[in-house]
Each structure stands twice: as structure tokens, then as C-alpha cells.
Protein backbone atom coordinates (compact mmCIF):
# COMPACT_ATOMS: atom_id res chain seq x y z
CA MET A 1 28.29 32.28 -94.99
CA ARG A 2 29.22 34.71 -92.63
CA ASN A 3 26.61 37.60 -92.08
CA ILE A 4 28.10 41.17 -90.97
CA VAL A 5 26.15 42.53 -88.65
CA LEU A 6 25.03 46.10 -87.41
CA PHE A 7 25.32 47.51 -83.96
CA PHE A 8 21.91 47.21 -83.20
CA LEU A 9 22.16 43.28 -83.79
CA ILE A 10 25.51 42.99 -81.85
CA VAL A 11 23.63 44.34 -78.72
CA CYS A 12 20.63 42.25 -79.32
CA LEU A 13 23.02 38.56 -79.41
CA ILE A 14 24.42 39.26 -76.02
CA SER A 15 23.61 36.87 -74.24
CA GLY A 16 22.09 37.03 -70.93
CA ALA A 17 21.19 40.43 -70.64
CA SER A 18 18.45 40.95 -68.37
CA ILE A 19 17.93 44.94 -68.91
CA THR A 20 17.19 46.92 -72.05
CA VAL A 21 20.11 49.44 -73.40
CA SER A 22 17.95 52.23 -72.45
CA SER A 23 18.11 51.06 -68.47
CA GLN A 24 22.11 50.09 -68.59
CA THR A 25 24.34 52.05 -67.22
CA ARG A 26 26.41 54.76 -68.55
CA LYS A 27 29.68 52.54 -68.08
CA GLU A 28 28.38 49.73 -69.74
CA ARG A 29 27.09 51.70 -72.60
CA ARG A 30 30.40 52.69 -73.02
CA LYS A 31 31.78 49.34 -73.07
CA ILE A 32 29.11 48.25 -75.36
CA GLU A 33 30.14 51.28 -77.70
CA ALA A 34 33.74 50.42 -77.58
CA SER A 35 33.09 46.87 -78.60
CA ARG A 36 31.22 47.72 -81.14
CA LYS A 37 33.54 49.90 -82.76
CA LEU A 38 36.38 47.29 -82.49
CA VAL A 39 33.91 44.70 -84.14
CA VAL A 40 33.56 47.60 -86.81
CA GLU A 41 37.19 47.78 -86.97
CA GLY A 42 37.53 44.14 -86.93
CA ASP A 43 35.08 43.65 -89.65
CA LYS A 44 36.94 46.25 -92.47
CA PHE A 45 40.02 44.11 -91.71
CA PHE A 46 38.08 40.47 -92.35
CA ARG A 47 36.64 41.91 -95.86
CA GLU A 48 40.40 43.00 -96.96
CA LYS A 49 40.96 39.67 -95.94
CA ASN A 50 43.81 40.95 -92.89
CA TYR A 51 42.75 38.17 -90.96
CA ARG A 52 45.47 38.35 -88.54
CA GLU A 53 44.62 42.33 -87.86
CA ALA A 54 40.98 41.44 -87.63
CA ILE A 55 41.90 39.02 -84.92
CA LYS A 56 43.70 41.24 -82.67
CA LYS A 57 40.21 43.94 -83.26
CA TYR A 58 37.72 40.96 -82.33
CA SER A 59 39.94 39.70 -79.39
CA GLU A 60 39.80 43.04 -77.78
CA ALA A 61 36.10 43.73 -78.47
CA ILE A 62 36.03 40.38 -76.19
CA ALA A 63 38.27 41.84 -73.75
CA VAL A 64 36.13 45.02 -73.85
CA LEU A 65 32.82 42.77 -73.85
CA PRO A 66 33.50 39.23 -72.62
CA ASN A 67 29.58 38.27 -73.88
CA ASN A 68 30.22 38.86 -77.45
CA PRO A 69 28.95 36.13 -79.84
CA TYR A 70 29.46 37.72 -82.93
CA ALA A 71 33.01 38.91 -81.63
CA TYR A 72 33.70 34.91 -81.14
CA TYR A 73 32.18 33.98 -84.70
CA SER A 74 34.30 36.65 -86.31
CA LYS A 75 37.22 35.75 -85.07
CA ALA A 76 36.57 32.21 -85.56
CA TYR A 77 36.17 32.36 -89.06
CA SER A 78 39.29 34.42 -89.39
CA HIS A 79 41.20 31.77 -88.10
CA TYR A 80 39.64 29.51 -89.85
CA TYR A 81 40.70 31.32 -92.61
CA LEU A 82 44.24 30.59 -91.44
CA GLY A 83 44.57 27.39 -91.46
CA GLU A 84 44.19 27.54 -87.40
CA TYR A 85 41.60 25.35 -87.24
CA GLU A 86 41.82 24.40 -83.45
CA GLN A 87 41.31 27.58 -82.50
CA ALA A 88 38.79 28.26 -84.97
CA ILE A 89 36.76 25.26 -83.04
CA ILE A 90 37.14 27.06 -79.74
CA ASP A 91 35.75 30.18 -80.83
CA PHE A 92 32.89 28.83 -82.83
CA SER A 93 32.13 26.88 -79.91
CA THR A 94 31.85 29.63 -77.80
CA ALA A 95 29.67 31.64 -80.31
CA LEU A 96 27.24 29.05 -80.15
CA GLU A 97 27.25 28.71 -76.09
CA GLN A 98 26.70 32.35 -76.25
CA GLY A 99 23.23 32.18 -78.16
CA TYR A 100 25.27 32.65 -81.82
CA ARG A 101 22.39 31.25 -84.41
CA PRO A 102 23.40 27.60 -84.63
CA ILE A 103 23.20 26.59 -88.56
CA ASP A 104 25.64 29.46 -89.14
CA VAL A 105 28.07 27.79 -86.39
CA TYR A 106 27.45 24.79 -87.96
CA VAL A 107 28.35 25.66 -91.56
CA ALA A 108 31.58 26.81 -90.71
CA ARG A 109 32.65 24.35 -87.78
CA TRP A 110 32.26 21.04 -89.28
CA GLN A 111 34.64 22.49 -92.03
CA ALA A 112 37.08 23.32 -89.49
CA TYR A 113 36.78 19.61 -87.52
CA TYR A 114 37.19 18.12 -91.27
CA TRP A 115 40.76 19.33 -92.10
CA ARG A 116 41.97 18.64 -88.61
CA LYS A 117 40.09 14.99 -89.80
CA ASP A 118 38.02 14.73 -86.60
CA TYR A 119 35.23 13.35 -89.09
CA ASP A 120 33.34 12.34 -85.94
CA SER A 121 32.74 15.68 -84.83
CA ALA A 122 32.17 17.10 -88.29
CA LEU A 123 29.51 14.43 -88.78
CA LYS A 124 28.11 14.86 -85.44
CA ASP A 125 27.77 19.28 -86.72
CA VAL A 126 26.23 18.19 -90.12
CA GLN A 127 23.36 15.85 -88.61
CA ALA A 128 22.66 18.65 -86.44
CA ALA A 129 22.25 21.24 -89.46
CA LEU A 130 20.05 18.40 -90.88
CA GLN A 131 17.69 18.59 -88.27
CA ILE A 132 17.09 22.10 -88.98
CA GLN A 133 17.31 21.84 -92.38
CA PRO A 134 16.55 18.35 -94.13
CA SER A 135 16.39 18.99 -97.78
CA SER A 136 20.12 21.33 -97.25
CA ALA A 137 21.87 19.68 -100.58
CA TYR A 138 24.56 21.66 -98.74
CA PHE A 139 24.50 19.59 -95.74
CA ASN A 140 23.66 16.26 -97.37
CA LEU A 141 26.99 16.82 -99.65
CA ALA A 142 28.26 17.47 -96.31
CA ALA A 143 27.78 14.48 -94.57
CA ALA A 144 28.52 12.42 -97.85
CA ASP A 145 32.06 13.79 -97.94
CA ILE A 146 32.58 13.13 -94.44
CA TYR A 147 31.14 9.10 -94.68
CA ARG A 148 33.57 9.59 -97.87
CA GLU A 149 36.68 10.59 -95.70
CA LYS A 150 35.37 7.62 -93.05
CA ARG A 151 35.41 4.99 -95.89
CA ASP A 152 31.66 4.70 -95.03
CA PHE A 153 30.92 4.30 -98.95
CA GLN A 154 27.59 2.57 -98.36
CA ASN A 155 26.33 6.03 -96.04
CA ALA A 156 28.38 8.35 -98.69
CA LEU A 157 26.60 6.91 -101.34
CA GLN A 158 22.80 7.57 -99.99
CA TYR A 159 23.78 11.06 -99.17
CA TYR A 160 25.60 11.78 -102.49
CA MET A 161 22.24 10.58 -104.15
CA ARG A 162 19.90 12.83 -101.75
CA ALA A 163 22.12 15.49 -102.72
CA ALA A 164 21.77 15.09 -106.64
CA GLU A 165 18.28 14.89 -105.89
CA LEU A 166 18.11 18.47 -104.26
CA ASP A 167 21.28 19.82 -106.51
CA ASN A 168 20.99 19.28 -110.26
CA THR A 169 23.47 22.25 -111.00
CA ASN A 170 26.49 20.69 -109.32
CA PRO A 171 28.69 18.79 -111.76
CA ASP A 172 30.62 17.00 -109.47
CA ILE A 173 28.11 14.72 -107.30
CA TYR A 174 27.75 11.85 -109.79
CA PHE A 175 31.47 12.04 -109.73
CA TYR A 176 31.70 11.07 -106.49
CA ILE A 177 28.82 8.45 -106.78
CA ALA A 178 30.79 6.74 -109.18
CA LEU A 179 33.43 6.75 -106.72
CA CYS A 180 31.38 4.95 -104.07
CA TYR A 181 29.91 3.00 -106.66
CA ASN A 182 33.98 2.17 -107.60
CA GLU A 183 34.30 1.04 -103.35
CA LEU A 184 31.73 -1.25 -102.89
CA GLY A 185 32.27 -2.59 -106.13
CA ASP A 186 29.15 -1.81 -108.40
CA TYR A 187 30.65 -1.57 -111.62
CA ILE A 188 27.79 -1.16 -113.76
CA GLN A 189 26.05 1.78 -111.30
CA GLN A 190 30.28 2.89 -111.39
CA GLY A 191 30.00 3.35 -115.35
CA ILE A 192 26.19 4.83 -115.35
CA ALA A 193 27.41 7.70 -112.92
CA ALA A 194 30.74 8.15 -113.97
CA LEU A 195 28.95 8.95 -117.61
CA GLN A 196 26.38 11.01 -115.88
CA ALA A 197 29.15 12.99 -113.97
CA LEU A 198 30.57 14.08 -117.70
CA LYS A 199 27.71 14.86 -119.22
CA SER A 200 27.07 17.12 -115.72
CA GLY A 201 30.40 18.91 -116.91
CA THR A 202 32.04 17.49 -114.10
CA LYS A 203 35.75 18.63 -113.40
CA TYR A 204 37.06 15.26 -113.07
CA ARG A 205 37.11 14.23 -116.67
CA ALA A 206 39.98 12.26 -116.57
CA GLU A 207 38.74 10.38 -113.45
CA SER A 208 35.38 9.91 -114.80
CA TRP A 209 36.49 8.68 -118.15
CA PHE A 210 38.93 6.38 -116.23
CA TYR A 211 35.78 4.73 -114.07
CA VAL A 212 34.14 4.50 -117.39
CA GLY A 213 36.94 2.22 -118.83
CA GLN A 214 36.95 0.61 -115.83
CA ALA A 215 33.51 -0.59 -115.80
CA ALA A 216 33.83 -1.36 -119.25
CA GLN A 217 36.74 -3.37 -118.75
CA VAL A 218 35.24 -5.68 -115.62
CA LEU A 219 32.28 -6.46 -117.51
CA ARG A 220 35.09 -7.44 -120.57
CA LYS A 221 34.13 -5.12 -122.82
CA TYR A 222 37.28 -4.43 -124.29
CA GLU A 223 36.89 -2.22 -127.26
CA GLU A 224 34.61 0.26 -124.60
CA ALA A 225 36.97 0.09 -122.06
CA SER A 226 39.89 0.83 -124.78
CA GLN A 227 38.15 3.63 -125.67
CA ALA A 228 37.15 5.26 -122.29
CA TYR A 229 41.12 5.06 -121.31
CA GLU A 230 41.96 6.65 -124.50
CA ARG A 231 40.25 9.72 -123.47
CA ALA A 232 40.95 9.55 -119.68
CA LEU A 233 45.07 10.32 -121.25
CA GLN A 234 43.30 12.99 -123.78
CA GLU A 235 42.69 14.82 -120.94
CA LYS A 236 45.20 14.24 -118.18
CA PRO A 237 48.27 12.51 -120.04
CA ASP A 238 49.49 11.58 -116.64
CA LEU A 239 47.46 9.09 -114.96
CA LYS A 240 49.67 6.05 -114.88
CA ILE A 241 47.32 3.69 -113.94
CA VAL A 242 45.43 4.21 -117.50
CA TYR A 243 48.26 2.95 -119.39
CA PHE A 244 48.60 -0.12 -117.42
CA ASN A 245 44.86 -0.52 -118.04
CA LEU A 246 44.80 0.58 -121.52
CA ALA A 247 47.93 -2.13 -122.37
CA GLU A 248 45.77 -4.86 -120.79
CA CYS A 249 42.72 -4.17 -122.65
CA TYR A 250 44.78 -4.07 -126.06
CA ARG A 251 46.75 -7.28 -124.87
CA ILE A 252 43.54 -8.91 -124.29
CA LEU A 253 42.26 -7.83 -127.89
CA ALA A 254 45.42 -9.75 -129.16
CA ASP A 255 46.49 -5.76 -130.41
CA TYR A 256 50.06 -6.48 -128.72
CA ASP A 257 52.07 -3.59 -131.16
CA ARG A 258 49.05 -0.89 -129.56
CA ALA A 259 49.86 -2.40 -126.23
CA ILE A 260 53.55 -1.96 -126.59
CA ALA A 261 52.90 1.91 -127.65
CA THR A 262 50.76 2.66 -124.91
CA LEU A 263 53.42 1.50 -122.07
CA LYS A 264 56.04 3.49 -124.24
CA ARG A 265 53.88 6.52 -123.99
CA GLY A 266 53.49 5.94 -120.38
CA GLN A 267 57.22 5.27 -120.05
CA ASN A 268 57.93 9.18 -121.70
CA LEU A 269 56.07 10.27 -118.94
CA TYR A 270 57.62 7.67 -116.19
CA PRO A 271 61.21 6.70 -117.37
CA ASN A 272 62.24 5.54 -114.37
CA ASP A 273 58.99 3.50 -113.41
CA GLY A 274 59.98 -0.17 -113.38
CA ASP A 275 56.45 -1.55 -113.70
CA PHE A 276 56.26 -0.15 -117.33
CA TYR A 277 59.75 -2.35 -118.11
CA ILE A 278 57.95 -5.05 -116.66
CA ASN A 279 54.64 -5.05 -118.60
CA LEU A 280 56.52 -4.42 -121.67
CA SER A 281 59.04 -7.56 -121.46
CA TRP A 282 55.63 -9.56 -120.65
CA ILE A 283 53.71 -8.30 -124.60
CA TYR A 284 57.19 -8.95 -125.83
CA SER A 285 56.99 -11.75 -124.71
CA LEU A 286 53.91 -12.55 -126.51
CA SER A 287 54.52 -11.05 -129.56
CA ASP A 288 57.78 -13.25 -129.67
CA ARG A 289 60.10 -10.20 -129.14
CA HIS A 290 62.34 -12.43 -126.88
CA GLN A 291 65.33 -10.05 -126.88
CA ASP A 292 63.66 -7.33 -126.63
CA ALA A 293 61.70 -8.81 -123.85
CA VAL A 294 65.16 -9.64 -121.59
CA ALA A 295 66.06 -6.32 -122.57
CA ALA A 296 63.33 -4.72 -120.89
CA ALA A 297 63.12 -7.35 -118.08
CA GLN A 298 66.59 -6.59 -117.10
CA MET A 299 66.11 -2.90 -116.96
CA ALA A 300 62.93 -3.76 -114.72
CA THR A 301 65.56 -5.38 -112.57
CA ARG A 302 67.87 -2.63 -112.23
CA LEU A 303 64.65 -0.13 -111.42
CA LEU A 304 63.10 -3.16 -109.20
CA PRO A 305 65.47 -4.94 -107.45
CA ASN A 306 63.35 -6.23 -105.11
CA GLU A 307 60.51 -7.07 -106.75
CA GLN A 308 60.31 -10.61 -108.30
CA MET A 309 58.12 -10.33 -111.20
CA GLY A 310 61.28 -8.28 -113.35
CA TYR A 311 62.79 -11.91 -112.41
CA THR A 312 60.04 -13.70 -113.59
CA ASN A 313 59.78 -11.81 -116.93
CA LEU A 314 63.64 -12.63 -117.11
CA CYS A 315 63.52 -16.04 -117.19
CA ARG A 316 60.24 -16.52 -119.27
CA ALA A 317 62.24 -14.59 -121.96
CA TYR A 318 65.86 -16.80 -121.49
CA ASN A 319 63.60 -19.58 -122.15
CA ASP A 320 62.20 -18.68 -125.43
CA LEU A 321 65.72 -17.66 -126.47
CA ARG A 322 66.93 -21.05 -125.26
CA GLN A 323 69.07 -19.64 -123.05
CA TYR A 324 68.16 -22.18 -120.06
CA ASN A 325 70.51 -21.70 -117.50
CA GLN A 326 70.18 -18.16 -117.36
CA ALA A 327 66.62 -18.70 -117.32
CA VAL A 328 67.35 -20.89 -113.96
CA GLU A 329 69.52 -18.11 -112.59
CA ALA A 330 66.61 -15.15 -113.25
CA CYS A 331 64.09 -17.78 -111.37
CA LYS A 332 66.17 -18.48 -108.45
CA LYS A 333 66.44 -14.96 -107.89
CA ALA A 334 62.89 -14.25 -108.49
CA LEU A 335 61.59 -17.12 -106.14
CA GLU A 336 64.44 -15.74 -103.54
CA ILE A 337 62.00 -12.68 -103.25
CA LYS A 338 58.77 -14.45 -103.68
CA PRO A 339 58.74 -18.11 -103.15
CA ASP A 340 55.88 -19.10 -103.70
CA ASP A 341 55.31 -17.79 -106.92
CA GLY A 342 53.56 -20.64 -109.20
CA GLU A 343 54.61 -18.58 -112.89
CA THR A 344 57.90 -18.21 -111.28
CA HIS A 345 57.89 -22.25 -110.82
CA PHE A 346 56.38 -23.41 -113.99
CA TYR A 347 59.52 -21.30 -115.97
CA LEU A 348 62.25 -23.06 -113.35
CA ALA A 349 60.31 -26.14 -114.52
CA ARG A 350 60.86 -25.59 -118.23
CA ALA A 351 64.23 -24.76 -117.76
CA TYR A 352 65.30 -27.71 -115.92
CA ASP A 353 63.41 -29.88 -118.61
CA SER A 354 65.21 -28.40 -121.23
CA LEU A 355 68.40 -29.18 -119.82
CA LYS A 356 67.64 -32.83 -119.20
CA ASN A 357 66.98 -32.34 -115.33
CA LYS A 358 63.63 -34.08 -114.82
CA ALA A 359 63.69 -34.62 -111.38
CA LEU A 360 64.02 -30.68 -111.00
CA ALA A 361 61.67 -30.48 -113.62
CA ASP A 362 59.03 -32.48 -111.83
CA ILE A 363 59.09 -30.80 -108.39
CA SER A 364 59.34 -27.29 -110.21
CA TYR A 365 55.88 -28.59 -111.94
CA ARG A 366 54.30 -29.88 -109.37
CA LYS A 367 54.49 -26.44 -107.12
CA ALA A 368 53.45 -24.32 -110.42
CA VAL A 369 50.62 -26.68 -110.65
CA GLU A 370 49.66 -26.12 -106.87
CA ARG A 371 50.49 -22.62 -106.45
CA LEU A 372 48.49 -21.28 -109.80
CA LEU A 373 45.44 -23.12 -108.65
CA GLU A 374 45.64 -21.42 -105.77
CA TYR A 375 46.14 -17.68 -107.86
CA THR A 376 42.84 -18.85 -110.07
CA GLN A 377 40.91 -19.31 -107.71
CA LYS A 378 41.82 -16.11 -106.04
CA ASN A 379 41.94 -14.03 -109.60
CA PRO A 380 38.96 -15.65 -111.22
CA TYR A 381 39.44 -13.35 -114.05
CA ASN A 382 42.58 -13.21 -114.57
CA SER A 383 43.47 -14.94 -118.12
CA ASP A 384 47.05 -15.61 -117.81
CA GLY A 385 46.74 -17.14 -114.63
CA PHE A 386 44.55 -20.04 -116.52
CA TYR A 387 46.70 -20.13 -119.13
CA LEU A 388 49.95 -20.90 -117.25
CA LEU A 389 47.90 -23.31 -114.99
CA GLY A 390 46.69 -25.25 -118.35
CA ASN A 391 50.69 -25.16 -119.43
CA ALA A 392 51.48 -26.67 -116.05
CA TYR A 393 48.94 -29.26 -116.06
CA PHE A 394 50.23 -30.49 -119.42
CA ALA A 395 53.29 -29.98 -118.49
CA VAL A 396 52.64 -32.99 -115.27
CA ASP A 397 50.28 -35.12 -117.89
CA GLN A 398 46.99 -33.94 -117.01
CA PRO A 399 45.38 -33.28 -120.17
CA LEU A 400 42.21 -32.85 -119.18
CA LYS A 401 42.53 -30.63 -116.74
CA ALA A 402 44.45 -28.30 -119.12
CA ILE A 403 42.00 -28.42 -121.59
CA GLU A 404 39.63 -27.31 -118.74
CA ALA A 405 42.32 -24.00 -117.62
CA TYR A 406 42.75 -23.00 -121.39
CA LYS A 407 38.71 -23.19 -121.99
CA LYS A 408 38.53 -20.84 -118.86
CA CYS A 409 41.72 -18.49 -120.40
CA ILE A 410 40.26 -18.24 -124.02
CA GLU A 411 36.60 -17.52 -122.25
CA LEU A 412 38.30 -14.26 -120.44
CA ALA A 413 40.65 -13.57 -123.61
CA PRO A 414 38.90 -15.37 -126.60
CA LYS A 415 41.37 -13.53 -128.74
CA PHE A 416 45.17 -15.07 -127.01
CA ALA A 417 46.35 -16.57 -129.67
CA LYS A 418 49.02 -19.11 -128.19
CA ALA A 419 45.99 -20.32 -125.60
CA ARG A 420 44.07 -21.67 -128.53
CA TYR A 421 47.19 -23.25 -129.93
CA ASN A 422 47.76 -25.20 -126.88
CA LEU A 423 44.35 -26.34 -126.09
CA GLY A 424 44.37 -27.38 -129.91
CA TYR A 425 47.46 -28.98 -129.89
CA VAL A 426 46.14 -30.87 -126.30
CA TYR A 427 42.93 -31.71 -128.07
CA ALA A 428 44.81 -33.65 -130.87
CA ALA A 429 47.08 -35.24 -128.09
CA THR A 430 44.18 -36.64 -126.56
CA GLY A 431 42.63 -37.38 -129.68
CA ASN A 432 40.14 -35.27 -130.35
CA LYS A 433 41.06 -34.05 -134.03
CA GLN A 434 37.80 -32.23 -134.15
CA LEU A 435 37.89 -29.91 -131.62
CA ALA A 436 41.44 -28.99 -132.18
CA ARG A 437 40.31 -28.28 -136.22
CA GLU A 438 38.00 -26.08 -134.55
CA GLN A 439 40.94 -24.03 -132.76
CA TYR A 440 42.73 -24.10 -135.77
CA SER A 441 39.85 -22.35 -137.42
CA ALA A 442 39.92 -19.73 -134.67
CA LEU A 443 43.31 -19.40 -135.17
CA LEU A 444 43.37 -18.58 -138.82
CA GLU A 445 42.10 -15.02 -138.37
CA LEU A 446 44.11 -14.33 -135.27
CA ASN A 447 47.14 -15.56 -136.30
CA PRO A 448 47.77 -17.58 -139.63
CA ALA A 449 51.50 -18.67 -139.19
CA LEU A 450 50.13 -20.29 -135.77
CA ALA A 451 47.07 -21.42 -136.83
CA SER A 452 49.76 -23.07 -139.82
CA ARG A 453 52.04 -24.82 -136.80
CA LEU A 454 49.03 -25.98 -135.24
CA LEU A 455 47.50 -27.83 -138.54
CA GLU A 456 50.58 -29.24 -138.42
CA ALA A 457 50.87 -30.40 -135.34
CA ILE A 458 47.55 -32.11 -136.10
CA ASN A 459 48.41 -33.73 -138.48
CA LYS A 460 51.30 -35.46 -137.02
CA LEU A 461 49.60 -36.28 -133.78
């Protein structure tokens, strides 16, 4: 990117010279020669990557001959390599003013602006360069990177696509295309671009597999998503978010053992991360491992004492163990942190109900319905939210609304056995035993023990 020029080029680049060398005075020729020698010495230091000494020589050359674009340009590059971007910009600008080739200045100066996070100035240089070289893959890619840093992902995407057309040898462009699609919420194209990045040999292999998995997860292709997430962890085991996403896929697939194993793998790397204990507590509850759920939730509250979810999970687990006073205490602590949490209000209502405090139970059930309805409206793809909403509706004697909530939950998570049990139970309670038996049939494959309990309930109702 930096051209080392010979003496006659230095002379030619001296802006504003109105006479030829042959007609210059002997004094002027001595200045030029002295400057040339200093530049040559500076170039030698530059090639040796001794940029501080190079700067000294270029500065001496400029002092002898101030109108010296090459010396300014070379000095600027030396500052750039030392991370002294502000001075690099000043010297690049002077070189440009004195007549140095604009495209060479733009190649370098935009980067100095970029590292100073002056993205507008960096973009101005790149756009000026694109006026000169519109088919430059380098400058199209530079524009894309700048727009990405500015979080203008639509423009970034356009320039990445253009760069990909111009340079099919860059293995990382499609990774950034996938990133842009992710930010724009186009998960289908995100997955396609991430797969192309992997085929191209991107160095961001783990991150690309993550994007493939995330796209599949959003599209409810949970088997594909789990396979992609496993590949991501093979490439980079310390990608924390992948453990949570992978465990969620296994949860939706009702493979609770693998969900637990996944979270424990992540926990081994991040033993003091309370979020792993929060998630483990939830999966333990789904697996009817209630004592383990309590232990995990207690650890979560120790690691994250100001996080509501640990106390909420603890409340649920105490309910499942029929330790209702402890459940009330845990739920109250959760509501101190997050007063409007619908899930916590539901668990608190359950505890009050079991303690025969109907008045307080009814208040909490109503709050649970109200808050969970808000939650599901904001999170329409969260199966847990609809499951809890169905539970709350049934508790306040709105079985038809409970049925709709359970059906939505099962649409999102077809293998959610407890949701199917509850749906079958509500069908039976409302006199529709045929539909109740359909849920029984579905449960036979998912959870035979729960299916047997449902059949018993159907026959009694």
C-alpha cells in the first residue's frame, strides 16, 4: 500500500515547483539532495519496521524541504503503524494537499479515521476512493465495514454483497453478510449466508455455525439447530450463548437429559455464571427433579442475588416439593426485584392456594393472567409463556382461554408433555373427552407415565 519511490519521483512530486531542476539554484538543489538522502534513510528504517527512527528522518527531510508530499505520506504511515492515528491523519492530509496521489492517501487515511472511530470521515474517504475505483473490492468492503460499525446494516449489506461479487476469494465476506441479515431479522438469508461462509473457508467457523443454528431455531427446525450448535461448540467450546440456545432446543424437543448435560458442559467452563443455574433449575423442574431444581435455584440466588429469575425458579421448585411457606418467601423476594413478573405471580398464587389462602391466591392469579398475557404478546414464540398463561387461565376458571393458550404452546413445542397433559385435562374437564383422548394418544409416545395419569383423570371426570 505504500510505494517507495526513487529520487527523481520525489522531485516530480514536489508541489508548486515552477522551474526545472536544471534551472534551480545551487542552494535549492542542495536542499533537494539533502532531503532525498534523509528520505532514503527514513525508508530504510521503515522497511526494518523501526518506525520511530523513520519518523525522525522523514521529519528532518520535511524540515529541509517543507513541500515534500512523499515524506509526509511516509511519515504518516509510520505514525499509523505505531497507532498514532491523529498525527497520521494530519500527515496524510498534508501529503494530499501537496499533491500526493489521492487514491493512495484514501487507502490509508480511512483506516486511521476508522481506528479513531471517526466513521463519518472514514466513509467520506472511502466514498471518494469509490468515485475513482468503483469496482474495487477493497473499497466496497471498507464501506461495508464502516456502515456495519455505524450499525447501518442495510447499507453494510449492500456493500458486502457488492464486495462478494468483485472478490470471490475472500472467505469472510459471507460471514459478515450473515451478520447483517441477523441484525435485519432475515433469518432465512442469515442461514444461507452463514453456510456459504463455511463453504468459503471463513475463519469465523464457530460463529457461522451459530448463525446457522440460530436461523434454524427461529424457523423451529430444532433438530437442525441443535446439530449446528453442536458444530459451533466443537469449533469454539467457550461460546457461552450456544450452550443456552442448544439447551433450549433440547428442551423443546423434550430431551431434558441432553439439555441438562449441555448446561453442565457450559457450567464447567463458567462455574460462577448464575445463568447456568437458573436454566438448570427450570429443566430440573420439567424433569420432575425437584430437589435438584431447589439446589440449582439456591445457587443461582447466591451468584445473582439481584436477579429475579433465581428466586422465581426457587419458588416453583418449593411448590413442587409442597414446601409452600418457603415458596411464598421465595416468590416475594422475586417480586421485590421484579414486581410485575407474571410467572412469579402464578407460582405465588399456587402457594397461597395450597395454603388455603383463597383471597391472596385469587389476587395473584389475576395478576398472573394480566402479566402473562402481556408477556406472550411481546414474546409470541415463547412456548413457556403460553404454558404458564394456560395454567393461569385455568386457575381463574377460564378453561376455553386456557385451551387456546395450551394449543399455542404445543404448536411452538409439540413435545412439551406437561402442556399436552394439561390440555387433555382441560378438554376432559369441559366435557370434550374425545379431544382429551387425542392428547392421551400423543402422550403415549412422549411420556407413558404422564399419559397413564391423564387417562385416569379422563375416566374420573
